Each structure stands twice: as C-alpha cells, then as structure tokens.
Amino acid sequence: MNEDEWMNILVINGSPKGGSSNSLKLAHAFLSGAGWSGAETVTVADTEIAPCLGCFSCWNKTPGTCVIHDGMSGTLAKIIAADVVIWTFPLYYFSVPGKLKNLIDRQLPVNLPFMAGGNQSGGHPPRYDLSRQRHIVISTCGFWTAEGNYDAVISMFNRYYGVEKCTWILCGQGELFRVPELSSRTGAYLETVRRAGAEFAAGGINAETDAELAEPLYPRDVFEKMADASWGIAESGETQADEGLNFTKQMAALYRPDGKPRVLEFCYTDLGKTYQILLTAQGSEVITDHFRQYTTRIETPFALWRSIARGEISGPEALFRRQYKVLGDFSLMLRWDELFGASGSQRPAPEKRTPKESPRGTNMAVLLIPWMAVWIGAAINPVAGGAAGVVAAACVPLIWMIFKPVVFERISVALVAALSLAAILGQDARAVITLSYGMFGLMWLAGAFTKTPLTAYYSAAGYGGEKAFGNPLFMRTNRILTAAWSALYLVTPIWTYFLMGTRAAAYTGLINAVCPILMGIFTAWFQKWYPARWAK
C-alpha cells in the first residue's frame, strides 16, 4: 500500500488517562509526521465497553453482531473500515489496560467460527477482507527499557493481526514525557517518532529510525535514580514531604561524571533548605547533613530554579538579573549543560555537517594575521611589508575554508589591502602604519556597539556555541572586552607615531605585537573572572 492509499486512519487510545496519556503524545507525533491530520480517535476510557460474555452468539445466533448493545458496536465498525489502526496505551502489568482488553476481546464478531488452517496452533478465518489493514502499536512503560517487558503484548497482537501487519513503537521511561525539566530529551524522541510517521506513510520505517526508537531515553542508572526520587518516598516506605530534596535527587541523577570531584551545594532560600550533591568520578550522591566544604554554592529560590530546569526561565538571564547567586568555583556553571543537561546522551553524537558548514569554529588569529603583516613588515621595509599585507589579505579567504568567517575579518581584508597598496605605492610608512592602528582601533570600537560584540564571535565556542549570544552576561562580558581592545588600539597609534621617528622604528611592529598577546591573556582571565564576580 502506498502513501496515497492511507485513506481511513483510526486511533484507539487505550489509556485510562484519556487525553493526558503519555503514549498518546507519541501517537500524535506519529500522526503529525505521517500527515494524517484527519485521523479519528476512539478514547476507550470514555467509551462504554462491557466485558465479553463468551456466549458466542455473534457466531451462531446473530452472526457478526454482538448481543451486548454498547459503545463497542460503533467502535467495531470503525475498526473494520480502517486502513490503519493505531493502538496507543501504557503497559499495565506486562499487558494492556483492562478496558482496552475488553475492546480486544469484543472483536470476536470479526471472525468466523470455523477452524482455519495455516497456523500450527489453530485459528479462525476473518469474516471480512482486512488484508489491506495495518496496525501500529505505540506504547510506553515505566521501566528503563521496553525490551523483555512487552512479550505478552507482542505475542497477542502478532497472533491476532499477523506479524507482517504490525509495526511497533515501544518506549520505556514513559513517565518522563510529563516532566517539563526533561523536555529537551523527550522532545528529541518525539521528533524521531514524527520522522517514523513520515517514513511509514512513505512506505516503511527505516532501520536507522527503528534503532533510535529502541534506544532508552536515559541510561538505566540515571532513569532509575530519577524514578525512585520522583515518588517522594524513602526506601523505608516513609513519606518524604520535602519537595526540594526530591527535585535535587532527580537533578543529581542527570550528572555526567567528568572525572573532577566537586561538592555542589544548593541553598533554596524560599524553603530554608540546603542540600549538597557530591560529584565524583563514579556519579553523584545527595546528602542532607554532615556537609563538606562546598566547591560551588548556588543560593536560589526553589521555585526559580525549578522554573529554570523546566525551561520556563532562562538561567543566564536570571543570573544576569541577580535573581540567584553563585559562590565558589564558577566554572561549573559554564559547563552546566554539559554536566547536568537533560539531553540524555552519554556519548557525543556524530557531528553532522552540510558542505557549507565550517568544520571548526572561529579563530582570532585570522583577524590579526593580515594586520600584523602590515605592522611588522611595513616597519622594516614599506614595499616588502605592503606586499606581505596584500598576500596575507589574499590568503584570509582561503583560511575561511578552515575557520568560520566573521564580518570583521571581511572588513579587515579590505582595509589591509588598501593600506598595503598605499605602502607599495610609496606612501609614507610612518603614516600608513599609524593609520592602520587607528583604523584597527576604530573597528574594535564599532564592534563594542554592534548587536554581537567583536570578541563574542571568538569566545562563543567555549560557552555552547552561538546559543551563548542569548546569554546577557556573556554578551556584557564580551562588550567590555571589545571596548578594552578598542582602547588599546586607539592609544597604540600615539606611541607608534613617536617610535617610528626614532631608531627603534624597524622594531615598532615587533614591540606592538606583544600587545595583542598580553591582551589575549587578559581576555582569557576576564572571561572567567567577571561572570564569577557578577554571580556573587
């Protein structure tokens, strides 16, 4: 059956939770991917379906019609008419929910009473021609994996509808789909389900997509720690009414060890509670007393931090507004997404690049190289230095094949080429070099007032890539740094002009080359110091 023949789509929502079902979220993603916006849904929880009486009247007294007159009559007609039936339900005691089992049992009128061949264990032939029909089973369960937990369900559906007619999307860790804090991971899974829907409608789900669907959302130890903490009950069975502790345990379960021991302390100011998370090479442990000296301490309202975890509030924005404080080692905050991110992946995903993407990030050396060619070369020999500047400017576009280009590098190429030609044509070297520093400084000054500060382009890679541009503290830090660079290069022309009037003229470029090195060291220090100072 091709895509054009999927005419009648029926969704049977077998969850007792009805519209709030986690499995139904997966089914909606599948329907969206397949483009089946007109699918009809039968919500079993809202439909009156009595248990089968086992009277067999639908075989010998009222053939094809059940003697029970309830909601199953209309539902059965919809099942018979469907080209695709999507069964969606949670796993209940390694089978389907009770009311859905009633519906499955009540399909007896679809079969004839006679014995059919072709099956070693026996069977009954269909009353209707349903050879066109396909069945998609979408289900979630509360275990860390679906593997081994659906044996009874798989056997039932394959036996009744046929192995070749059933497609399976079975997802463990189903309760995570209702946790807002984990939406980045569950959202990624739903995107895979959406892709599976598109592939099914086009002919069949690809093996690669099938493998992704079978991959657990989180490793077993991470999921089981989060699941245990979510109940708010101690192992002794006593109720823990401490919402902050449960939340902290779930957060700690997401920790990805990087080999560096730390003590992360949380002080929830609105709850008046403090907890520590011991971060080790093996994992994490939450303690509530006998505290150790913290490495990093976060003082925050619990309500605020939970909203940050849910993605309702930007963490960097809240820090910039000083809605919470960070004491001690601030470097942990810079790596928060890497260490505590909810993406779920424990190993880096293979990087996918398009032909136009740069395989590496930006590099400030690309900005400085053509300018330094002029500064050093022209001070020694104007013609040779000018030629070096032209060559350097011409080579920068080739370097962009390796490093991602920045708009200020494009401006530099044009300015350096013009200055170099001026030096070659005999313009006074002293004036050319002095002017070059002034123009460079003005470019930096302009970069301090643009939407993205000049230094931000070069430091973003260490702070999550371009998403760092949405971090107001990161942008403020780099705006200050860009202004500092501009101040340096606006002052440099003054001493350069006077140096070039002395015997040290040939060494002016070398002397001034030390400045960006020192400024680079200052930049690396300031990028860590300023955010930490602000956070305190």
Protein backbone atom coordinates (compact mmCIF):
# COMPACT_ATOMS: atom_id res chain seq x y z
CA MET A 1 0.00 0.00 0.00
CA ASN A 2 1.47 3.35 -0.97
CA GLU A 3 1.07 6.75 0.63
CA ASP A 4 -1.99 7.71 -1.43
CA GLU A 5 -3.92 4.66 -0.21
CA TRP A 6 -3.85 5.59 3.51
CA MET A 7 -7.41 6.89 3.50
CA ASN A 8 -9.03 5.85 6.79
CA ILE A 9 -6.90 6.22 9.92
CA LEU A 10 -8.24 5.17 13.32
CA VAL A 11 -6.51 5.83 16.66
CA ILE A 12 -7.57 3.70 19.60
CA ASN A 13 -6.43 5.42 22.78
CA GLY A 14 -6.45 2.67 25.38
CA SER A 15 -5.04 4.71 28.26
CA PRO A 16 -7.25 5.14 31.34
CA LYS A 17 -5.82 8.69 31.50
CA GLY A 18 -7.51 9.58 28.22
CA GLY A 19 -6.17 12.77 26.66
CA SER A 20 -3.33 13.16 29.21
CA SER A 21 -1.77 9.85 28.20
CA ASN A 22 1.99 9.80 27.63
CA SER A 23 1.58 7.19 24.90
CA LEU A 24 -0.89 9.47 23.13
CA LYS A 25 1.83 12.14 22.88
CA LEU A 26 3.86 9.66 20.84
CA ALA A 27 0.82 8.82 18.72
CA HIS A 28 0.19 12.50 17.98
CA ALA A 29 3.83 12.92 16.92
CA PHE A 30 3.50 9.89 14.60
CA LEU A 31 0.29 11.27 13.07
CA SER A 32 1.92 14.66 12.58
CA GLY A 33 4.88 13.12 10.77
CA ALA A 34 2.63 11.00 8.59
CA GLY A 35 0.45 13.98 7.73
CA TRP A 36 -2.70 12.22 8.93
CA SER A 37 -4.49 15.24 10.34
CA GLY A 38 -7.92 13.73 9.71
CA ALA A 39 -7.43 10.63 11.86
CA GLU A 40 -10.35 9.68 14.08
CA THR A 41 -9.72 8.79 17.73
CA VAL A 42 -11.65 6.40 19.95
CA THR A 43 -10.89 7.07 23.63
CA VAL A 44 -11.56 3.78 25.37
CA ALA A 45 -11.83 5.41 28.81
CA ASP A 46 -14.81 7.47 27.55
CA THR A 47 -16.49 4.59 25.69
CA GLU A 48 -18.88 2.13 27.30
CA ILE A 49 -17.42 -1.29 26.54
CA ALA A 50 -18.57 -4.23 28.69
CA PRO A 51 -16.55 -7.45 29.01
CA CYS A 52 -17.19 -10.23 26.50
CA LEU A 53 -19.75 -12.78 27.80
CA GLY A 54 -18.19 -15.67 25.91
CA CYS A 55 -21.65 -16.67 24.66
CA PHE A 56 -20.58 -16.96 21.01
CA SER A 57 -23.94 -15.57 19.88
CA CYS A 58 -22.02 -13.40 17.40
CA TRP A 59 -21.02 -16.68 15.70
CA ASN A 60 -24.16 -18.84 15.76
CA LYS A 61 -27.24 -16.76 16.65
CA THR A 62 -26.56 -13.21 15.42
CA PRO A 63 -23.60 -13.74 13.02
CA GLY A 64 -21.25 -10.78 13.06
CA THR A 65 -23.25 -8.91 15.69
CA CYS A 66 -22.67 -8.88 19.43
CA VAL A 67 -25.65 -9.30 21.73
CA ILE A 68 -24.31 -6.57 24.02
CA HIS A 69 -25.53 -3.20 22.83
CA ASP A 70 -22.99 -0.60 23.93
CA GLY A 71 -20.22 1.59 22.52
CA MET A 72 -18.41 -1.39 21.02
CA SER A 73 -20.87 -1.61 18.12
CA GLY A 74 -19.76 1.70 16.62
CA THR A 75 -16.12 1.11 17.54
CA LEU A 76 -16.05 -2.27 15.80
CA ALA A 77 -17.49 -0.74 12.63
CA LYS A 78 -14.70 1.86 12.67
CA ILE A 79 -12.04 -0.83 13.13
CA ILE A 80 -13.37 -2.83 10.19
CA ALA A 81 -13.43 0.27 7.96
CA ALA A 82 -9.92 1.46 8.89
CA ASP A 83 -6.90 1.18 6.61
CA VAL A 84 -4.57 1.82 9.54
CA VAL A 85 -5.35 1.24 13.22
CA ILE A 86 -3.02 2.94 15.70
CA TRP A 87 -3.21 1.30 19.11
CA THR A 88 -1.83 3.55 21.83
CA PHE A 89 -1.73 2.59 25.52
CA PRO A 90 0.56 2.29 28.55
CA LEU A 91 1.85 -1.10 29.68
CA TYR A 92 -0.19 -2.42 32.62
CA TYR A 93 1.26 -5.44 34.39
CA PHE A 94 3.04 -6.55 31.21
CA SER A 95 -0.18 -6.38 29.18
CA VAL A 96 -2.79 -3.85 28.06
CA PRO A 97 -5.09 -1.86 30.40
CA GLY A 98 -8.25 -3.73 31.43
CA LYS A 99 -10.80 -1.76 29.45
CA LEU A 100 -8.68 -2.00 26.29
CA LYS A 101 -8.57 -5.77 26.80
CA ASN A 102 -12.38 -5.72 26.84
CA LEU A 103 -12.30 -3.98 23.45
CA ILE A 104 -9.85 -6.52 22.05
CA ASP A 105 -11.98 -9.43 23.33
CA ARG A 106 -15.11 -7.92 21.85
CA GLN A 107 -13.65 -8.16 18.32
CA LEU A 108 -14.83 -11.77 18.19
CA PRO A 109 -17.62 -10.94 15.65
CA VAL A 110 -14.89 -10.06 13.13
CA ASN A 111 -14.02 -13.77 12.86
CA LEU A 112 -15.94 -16.80 11.61
CA PRO A 113 -16.42 -19.78 13.96
CA PHE A 114 -14.81 -22.34 11.66
CA MET A 115 -11.33 -23.66 12.18
CA ALA A 116 -8.72 -22.27 9.80
CA GLY A 117 -5.58 -23.89 8.55
CA GLY A 118 -2.24 -22.25 8.05
CA ASN A 119 -1.39 -21.83 11.72
CA GLN A 120 0.22 -24.59 13.72
CA SER A 121 -1.76 -23.80 16.87
CA GLY A 122 -5.07 -23.21 15.10
CA GLY A 123 -7.23 -20.18 14.39
CA HIS A 124 -10.39 -18.76 12.86
CA PRO A 125 -10.78 -17.17 9.42
CA PRO A 126 -11.81 -13.49 9.14
CA ARG A 127 -15.40 -12.62 8.37
CA TYR A 128 -14.27 -9.56 6.36
CA ASP A 129 -11.46 -8.90 3.93
CA LEU A 130 -8.96 -6.97 6.07
CA SER A 131 -5.89 -7.85 4.02
CA ARG A 132 -5.24 -4.14 3.35
CA GLN A 133 -5.25 -3.23 7.02
CA ARG A 134 -2.11 -2.33 9.00
CA HIS A 135 -1.71 -1.96 12.76
CA ILE A 136 0.69 0.34 14.57
CA VAL A 137 1.22 -0.28 18.28
CA ILE A 138 2.55 2.72 20.23
CA SER A 139 3.09 2.21 23.93
CA THR A 140 5.12 3.49 26.88
CA CYS A 141 6.06 1.71 30.06
CA GLY A 142 7.60 2.65 33.41
CA PHE A 143 10.72 0.51 33.09
CA TRP A 144 14.07 1.80 31.82
CA THR A 145 13.68 -0.29 28.65
CA ALA A 146 10.84 -1.79 26.65
CA GLU A 147 12.89 -4.89 25.85
CA GLY A 148 11.55 -8.01 27.55
CA ASN A 149 8.56 -6.24 29.05
CA TYR A 150 6.19 -6.45 26.08
CA ASP A 151 6.48 -10.16 25.31
CA ALA A 152 2.81 -10.84 26.12
CA VAL A 153 1.59 -7.81 24.19
CA ILE A 154 3.70 -8.57 21.12
CA SER A 155 2.55 -12.18 21.12
CA MET A 156 -1.14 -11.15 21.36
CA PHE A 157 -1.08 -8.56 18.57
CA ASN A 158 1.10 -10.65 16.23
CA ARG A 159 -1.11 -13.68 16.79
CA TYR A 160 -4.35 -11.80 16.18
CA TYR A 161 -3.37 -9.42 13.37
CA GLY A 162 -0.30 -11.09 11.87
CA VAL A 163 3.40 -10.32 12.27
CA GLU A 164 3.64 -8.78 8.82
CA LYS A 165 0.84 -6.31 9.58
CA CYS A 166 2.12 -4.93 12.89
CA THR A 167 4.54 -2.04 13.38
CA TRP A 168 5.90 -1.36 16.86
CA ILE A 169 6.99 1.76 18.74
CA LEU A 170 7.59 0.67 22.32
CA CYS A 171 9.20 3.20 24.61
CA GLY A 172 10.48 2.67 28.12
CA GLN A 173 10.71 5.51 30.65
CA GLY A 174 7.27 6.72 29.57
CA GLU A 175 6.58 8.82 32.66
CA LEU A 176 9.39 11.18 31.63
CA PHE A 177 7.18 12.61 28.88
CA ARG A 178 5.21 14.53 31.51
CA VAL A 179 8.32 16.04 33.17
CA PRO A 180 8.92 19.58 31.81
CA GLU A 181 12.53 19.61 33.03
CA LEU A 182 13.35 16.78 30.62
CA SER A 183 11.63 18.22 27.55
CA SER A 184 14.89 18.55 25.61
CA ARG A 185 15.37 14.76 25.70
CA THR A 186 11.75 13.71 25.37
CA GLY A 187 11.26 16.31 22.66
CA ALA A 188 14.12 14.77 20.68
CA TYR A 189 12.47 11.35 20.98
CA LEU A 190 9.15 12.75 19.79
CA GLU A 191 10.96 14.18 16.76
CA THR A 192 12.20 10.66 15.99
CA VAL A 193 8.64 9.35 16.31
CA ARG A 194 7.50 12.13 13.98
CA ARG A 195 10.13 11.04 11.46
CA ALA A 196 8.96 7.44 11.83
CA GLY A 197 5.44 8.56 10.92
CA ALA A 198 6.67 10.27 7.78
CA GLU A 199 8.67 7.19 6.78
CA PHE A 200 5.77 4.82 7.44
CA ALA A 201 3.41 6.88 5.31
CA ALA A 202 6.01 6.86 2.52
CA GLY A 203 6.48 3.10 2.58
CA GLY A 204 8.09 1.93 5.80
CA ILE A 205 10.14 2.97 8.84
CA ASN A 206 13.89 2.94 8.15
CA ALA A 207 16.15 0.63 10.16
CA GLU A 208 18.12 3.62 11.47
CA THR A 209 14.95 5.24 12.80
CA ASP A 210 13.85 1.93 14.33
CA ALA A 211 17.17 1.72 16.16
CA GLU A 212 16.77 5.26 17.51
CA LEU A 213 13.27 4.46 18.75
CA ALA A 214 14.59 1.45 20.64
CA GLU A 215 17.33 3.49 22.34
CA PRO A 216 16.48 4.25 26.02
CA LEU A 217 15.96 7.92 26.80
CA TYR A 218 18.50 7.71 29.64
CA PRO A 219 20.89 5.01 30.85
CA ARG A 220 19.39 2.62 33.37
CA ASP A 221 21.12 4.03 36.46
CA VAL A 222 20.13 7.61 35.60
CA PHE A 223 16.49 6.76 34.95
CA GLU A 224 16.05 4.55 37.99
CA LYS A 225 17.52 7.21 40.29
CA MET A 226 15.13 9.81 38.87
CA ALA A 227 12.19 7.41 39.08
CA ASP A 228 12.92 6.45 42.68
CA ALA A 229 13.23 10.10 43.73
CA SER A 230 10.02 11.10 41.97
CA TRP A 231 7.81 9.17 44.39
CA GLY A 232 8.79 11.26 47.41
CA ILE A 233 9.03 8.09 49.48
CA ALA A 234 12.08 6.82 51.36
CA GLU A 235 13.19 3.22 50.85
CA SER A 236 11.82 2.52 54.33
CA GLY A 237 8.38 3.42 52.98
CA GLU A 238 8.09 6.63 54.96
CA THR A 239 6.79 9.62 53.05
CA GLN A 240 9.28 12.40 52.34
CA ALA A 241 7.34 15.63 52.11
CA ASP A 242 10.47 17.50 51.07
CA GLU A 243 9.89 18.65 47.51
CA GLY A 244 13.31 20.31 47.34
CA LEU A 245 15.10 17.08 48.26
CA ASN A 246 13.23 15.04 45.64
CA PHE A 247 13.96 17.64 42.98
CA THR A 248 17.66 17.76 43.94
CA LYS A 249 17.92 13.96 43.76
CA GLN A 250 16.40 13.94 40.30
CA MET A 251 18.78 16.68 39.18
CA ALA A 252 21.74 14.79 40.63
CA ALA A 253 20.73 11.68 38.68
CA LEU A 254 21.38 13.57 35.43
CA TYR A 255 25.03 14.25 36.33
CA ARG A 256 27.58 13.07 33.78
CA PRO A 257 30.92 12.47 35.54
CA ASP A 258 33.91 14.20 34.02
CA GLY A 259 36.49 12.84 36.45
CA LYS A 260 36.70 16.01 38.55
CA PRO A 261 35.47 15.74 42.19
CA ARG A 262 33.24 18.60 43.35
CA VAL A 263 30.81 19.48 46.10
CA LEU A 264 27.81 21.34 44.71
CA GLU A 265 25.69 22.99 47.38
CA PHE A 266 22.14 24.21 46.86
CA CYS A 267 20.54 26.65 49.25
CA TYR A 268 16.83 27.03 48.46
CA THR A 269 16.17 30.39 50.06
CA ASP A 270 12.36 30.19 49.94
CA LEU A 271 12.30 26.71 51.51
CA GLY A 272 15.00 27.38 54.06
CA LYS A 273 16.67 24.12 52.99
CA THR A 274 20.23 23.29 51.99
CA TYR A 275 21.49 20.14 50.28
CA GLN A 276 24.81 19.04 48.85
CA ILE A 277 25.49 16.93 45.79
CA LEU A 278 28.78 15.08 45.96
CA LEU A 279 30.06 14.81 42.42
CA THR A 280 32.63 12.07 41.90
CA ALA A 281 34.18 10.14 39.03
CA GLN A 282 31.59 7.41 39.65
CA GLY A 283 28.48 9.59 39.80
CA SER A 284 26.60 11.68 42.34
CA GLU A 285 25.17 11.45 45.84
CA VAL A 286 22.82 13.86 47.63
CA ILE A 287 23.46 14.47 51.33
CA THR A 288 21.35 16.43 53.81
CA ASP A 289 23.72 16.65 56.78
CA HIS A 290 27.40 16.41 57.75
CA PHE A 291 28.14 18.84 54.95
CA ARG A 292 31.57 19.22 53.40
CA GLN A 293 33.29 22.38 52.20
CA TYR A 294 31.48 23.28 49.01
CA THR A 295 33.20 23.79 45.68
CA THR A 296 30.25 25.72 44.23
CA ARG A 297 27.26 27.07 46.14
CA ILE A 298 24.03 28.21 44.48
CA GLU A 299 21.71 30.38 46.54
CA THR A 300 18.35 30.46 44.80
CA PRO A 301 14.61 30.33 45.43
CA PHE A 302 13.48 26.76 44.79
CA ALA A 303 10.61 27.99 42.61
CA LEU A 304 13.06 29.90 40.43
CA TRP A 305 15.49 27.00 39.95
CA ARG A 306 12.67 24.62 39.12
CA SER A 307 11.39 27.07 36.50
CA ILE A 308 14.91 27.29 35.06
CA ALA A 309 15.11 23.49 34.91
CA ARG A 310 11.77 23.39 33.09
CA GLY A 311 12.94 25.91 30.54
CA GLU A 312 10.33 28.44 31.64
CA ILE A 313 13.03 30.95 32.62
CA SER A 314 16.49 31.43 31.14
CA GLY A 315 19.16 30.53 33.71
CA PRO A 316 21.72 33.01 32.34
CA GLU A 317 19.05 35.73 32.18
CA ALA A 318 18.06 35.08 35.80
CA LEU A 319 21.70 35.22 36.86
CA PHE A 320 22.23 38.45 34.93
CA ARG A 321 19.26 39.92 36.80
CA ARG A 322 20.81 38.66 40.04
CA GLN A 323 17.80 36.53 40.90
CA TYR A 324 20.17 33.92 42.31
CA LYS A 325 23.79 33.90 43.44
CA VAL A 326 26.73 31.61 42.76
CA LEU A 327 29.62 31.36 45.21
CA GLY A 328 32.90 29.49 44.85
CA ASP A 329 34.04 27.90 41.60
CA PHE A 330 32.01 29.50 38.80
CA SER A 331 33.46 27.22 36.11
CA LEU A 332 30.85 24.60 36.98
CA MET A 333 28.13 26.99 35.79
CA LEU A 334 29.89 27.45 32.47
CA ARG A 335 29.69 23.67 31.92
CA TRP A 336 26.21 23.17 33.38
CA ASP A 337 24.55 21.91 30.22
CA GLU A 338 27.41 19.53 29.60
CA LEU A 339 27.34 18.09 33.13
CA PHE A 340 23.64 18.29 34.01
CA GLY A 341 21.92 18.75 30.66
CA ALA A 342 18.72 16.75 30.15
CA SER A 343 19.60 15.64 26.61
CA GLY A 344 20.24 12.13 27.88
CA SER A 345 23.12 11.25 25.60
CA GLN A 346 26.09 9.82 27.46
CA ARG A 347 28.30 9.78 24.43
CA PRO A 348 28.77 12.55 21.88
CA ALA A 349 26.61 12.23 18.82
CA PRO A 350 28.40 12.15 15.49
CA GLU A 351 28.66 15.66 14.16
CA LYS A 352 26.59 16.25 11.05
CA ARG A 353 27.80 18.95 8.70
CA THR A 354 26.50 20.32 5.47
CA PRO A 355 29.03 21.24 2.77
CA LYS A 356 28.65 24.93 3.65
CA GLU A 357 29.37 24.44 7.35
CA SER A 358 32.80 25.21 8.73
CA PRO A 359 34.37 22.11 10.28
CA ARG A 360 35.82 24.32 13.02
CA GLY A 361 34.89 27.46 14.89
CA THR A 362 36.25 30.96 14.67
CA ASN A 363 39.83 31.97 15.44
CA MET A 364 41.01 35.45 16.39
CA ALA A 365 44.37 34.79 14.71
CA VAL A 366 42.55 35.03 11.36
CA LEU A 367 41.59 38.59 12.27
CA LEU A 368 45.07 39.59 13.44
CA ILE A 369 47.31 37.94 10.79
CA PRO A 370 46.80 40.44 7.92
CA TRP A 371 47.17 43.43 10.25
CA MET A 372 50.35 42.07 11.81
CA ALA A 373 51.81 41.53 8.34
CA VAL A 374 51.47 45.27 7.74
CA TRP A 375 52.58 46.33 11.22
CA ILE A 376 55.74 44.21 11.26
CA GLY A 377 56.62 44.15 7.56
CA ALA A 378 56.00 47.80 6.66
CA ALA A 379 58.04 49.00 9.64
CA ILE A 380 61.05 47.06 8.33
CA ASN A 381 60.55 47.71 4.60
CA PRO A 382 57.46 49.54 3.29
CA VAL A 383 57.38 47.80 -0.10
CA ALA A 384 58.08 44.32 1.25
CA GLY A 385 55.69 44.91 4.13
CA GLY A 386 53.00 46.13 1.78
CA ALA A 387 53.46 43.04 -0.40
CA ALA A 388 53.21 40.85 2.70
CA GLY A 389 49.98 42.61 3.65
CA VAL A 390 48.48 42.02 0.19
CA VAL A 391 49.43 38.32 0.33
CA ALA A 392 48.03 37.96 3.87
CA ALA A 393 44.77 39.66 2.86
CA ALA A 394 44.50 37.38 -0.16
CA CYS A 395 45.10 34.26 1.97
CA VAL A 396 42.47 35.02 4.61
CA PRO A 397 39.53 33.91 2.38
CA LEU A 398 41.32 30.58 1.97
CA ILE A 399 41.60 30.27 5.74
CA TRP A 400 37.83 30.70 5.92
CA MET A 401 37.62 27.21 4.47
CA ILE A 402 39.00 26.04 7.81
CA PHE A 403 37.69 28.63 10.27
CA LYS A 404 34.26 30.21 10.24
CA PRO A 405 34.49 33.77 8.84
CA VAL A 406 33.47 36.78 10.91
CA VAL A 407 32.20 40.05 9.42
CA PHE A 408 35.10 41.98 10.97
CA GLU A 409 37.58 39.73 9.14
CA ARG A 410 35.97 40.69 5.84
CA ILE A 411 36.32 44.36 6.76
CA SER A 412 39.95 43.75 7.73
CA VAL A 413 40.76 42.18 4.36
CA ALA A 414 39.56 45.30 2.53
CA LEU A 415 41.31 47.74 4.88
CA VAL A 416 44.62 45.86 4.94
CA ALA A 417 44.66 45.50 1.16
CA ALA A 418 44.14 49.26 0.76
CA LEU A 419 46.83 50.15 3.33
CA SER A 420 49.28 47.66 1.80
CA LEU A 421 48.81 49.11 -1.68
CA ALA A 422 49.40 52.57 -0.27
CA ALA A 423 52.70 51.39 1.23
CA ILE A 424 53.77 49.76 -2.05
CA LEU A 425 52.94 52.93 -3.99
CA GLY A 426 55.32 54.93 -1.82
CA GLN A 427 53.13 56.49 0.80
CA ASP A 428 54.96 57.42 3.99
CA ALA A 429 55.38 54.20 6.03
CA ARG A 430 55.07 56.07 9.28
CA ALA A 431 51.69 57.46 8.26
CA VAL A 432 50.48 54.14 6.84
CA ILE A 433 51.33 52.15 9.96
CA THR A 434 49.99 54.77 12.34
CA LEU A 435 46.78 54.97 10.31
CA SER A 436 46.48 51.17 10.30
CA TYR A 437 46.48 51.04 14.11
CA GLY A 438 43.92 53.82 14.23
CA MET A 439 41.64 52.07 11.75
CA PHE A 440 42.02 48.81 13.65
CA GLY A 441 41.07 50.56 16.88
CA LEU A 442 38.03 52.18 15.29
CA MET A 443 36.90 48.79 14.01
CA TRP A 444 37.11 47.42 17.56
CA LEU A 445 35.25 50.45 18.88
CA ALA A 446 32.46 49.85 16.38
CA GLY A 447 32.48 46.18 17.43
CA ALA A 448 31.73 47.18 21.01
CA PHE A 449 28.39 48.68 19.95
CA THR A 450 27.19 46.12 17.42
CA LYS A 451 24.50 43.60 18.36
CA THR A 452 27.16 40.92 18.80
CA PRO A 453 30.41 42.30 20.31
CA LEU A 454 33.53 41.50 18.32
CA THR A 455 35.17 39.25 20.94
CA ALA A 456 31.93 37.26 21.37
CA TYR A 457 32.44 35.68 17.96
CA TYR A 458 35.74 34.22 19.10
CA SER A 459 34.83 33.12 22.62
CA ALA A 460 31.35 31.64 21.97
CA ALA A 461 32.75 28.21 21.13
CA GLY A 462 33.77 27.71 24.75
CA TYR A 463 30.30 28.65 26.01
CA GLY A 464 27.98 26.47 23.98
CA GLY A 465 28.42 27.99 20.53
CA GLU A 466 26.10 30.61 19.06
CA LYS A 467 23.47 29.98 21.74
CA ALA A 468 25.84 31.94 24.02
CA PHE A 469 24.72 35.05 22.11
CA GLY A 470 21.46 34.75 24.02
CA ASN A 471 23.27 34.88 27.36
CA PRO A 472 23.17 38.52 28.55
CA LEU A 473 26.07 38.07 30.98
CA PHE A 474 28.24 36.55 28.25
CA MET A 475 27.39 39.43 25.93
CA ARG A 476 28.05 42.04 28.61
CA THR A 477 31.43 40.45 29.39
CA ASN A 478 32.44 40.50 25.73
CA ARG A 479 31.16 44.04 25.20
CA ILE A 480 33.53 45.18 27.95
CA LEU A 481 36.39 43.18 26.46
CA THR A 482 35.77 44.58 22.98
CA ALA A 483 35.84 48.09 24.41
CA ALA A 484 39.14 47.26 26.14
CA TRP A 485 40.66 46.05 22.87
CA SER A 486 39.48 49.21 21.13
CA ALA A 487 41.04 51.38 23.85
CA LEU A 488 44.35 49.60 23.37
CA TYR A 489 44.41 50.10 19.61
CA LEU A 490 43.17 53.67 19.74
CA VAL A 491 46.10 54.54 22.01
CA THR A 492 48.63 52.46 20.07
CA PRO A 493 48.84 54.94 17.11
CA ILE A 494 50.11 57.62 19.50
CA TRP A 495 53.22 55.81 20.68
CA THR A 496 53.65 54.17 17.28
CA TYR A 497 53.94 57.55 15.57
CA PHE A 498 56.63 58.69 18.00
CA LEU A 499 58.51 55.35 17.97
CA MET A 500 58.77 55.42 14.21
CA GLY A 501 60.54 58.74 14.46
CA THR A 502 63.34 57.11 16.45
CA ARG A 503 65.98 54.46 15.78
CA ALA A 504 63.53 51.84 17.05
CA ALA A 505 61.29 52.37 14.03
CA ALA A 506 62.19 48.98 12.47
CA TYR A 507 61.12 47.25 15.66
CA THR A 508 57.81 49.06 16.11
CA GLY A 509 55.79 46.17 14.73
CA LEU A 510 57.53 43.64 16.94
CA ILE A 511 57.05 45.82 20.00
CA ASN A 512 53.38 46.29 19.24
CA ALA A 513 52.91 42.59 18.53
CA VAL A 514 53.36 41.94 22.23
CA CYS A 515 50.20 43.96 22.98
CA PRO A 516 47.65 41.54 21.47
CA ILE A 517 49.41 38.66 23.23
CA LEU A 518 49.08 40.39 26.59
CA MET A 519 45.53 41.43 25.78
CA GLY A 520 44.72 37.84 24.86
CA ILE A 521 45.95 36.70 28.27
CA PHE A 522 43.85 39.39 29.93
CA THR A 523 40.83 38.36 27.86
CA ALA A 524 41.08 34.71 28.94
CA TRP A 525 41.26 35.79 32.58
CA PHE A 526 38.48 38.37 32.39
CA GLN A 527 36.06 35.96 30.71
CA LYS A 528 36.15 33.82 33.85
CA TRP A 529 36.62 36.50 36.48
CA TYR A 530 33.86 38.93 35.52
CA PRO A 531 30.91 36.47 35.35
CA ALA A 532 32.02 34.91 38.65
CA ARG A 533 32.22 38.35 40.27
CA TRP A 534 28.78 39.24 38.91
CA ALA A 535 27.29 35.95 40.15
CA LYS A 536 28.43 36.62 43.71
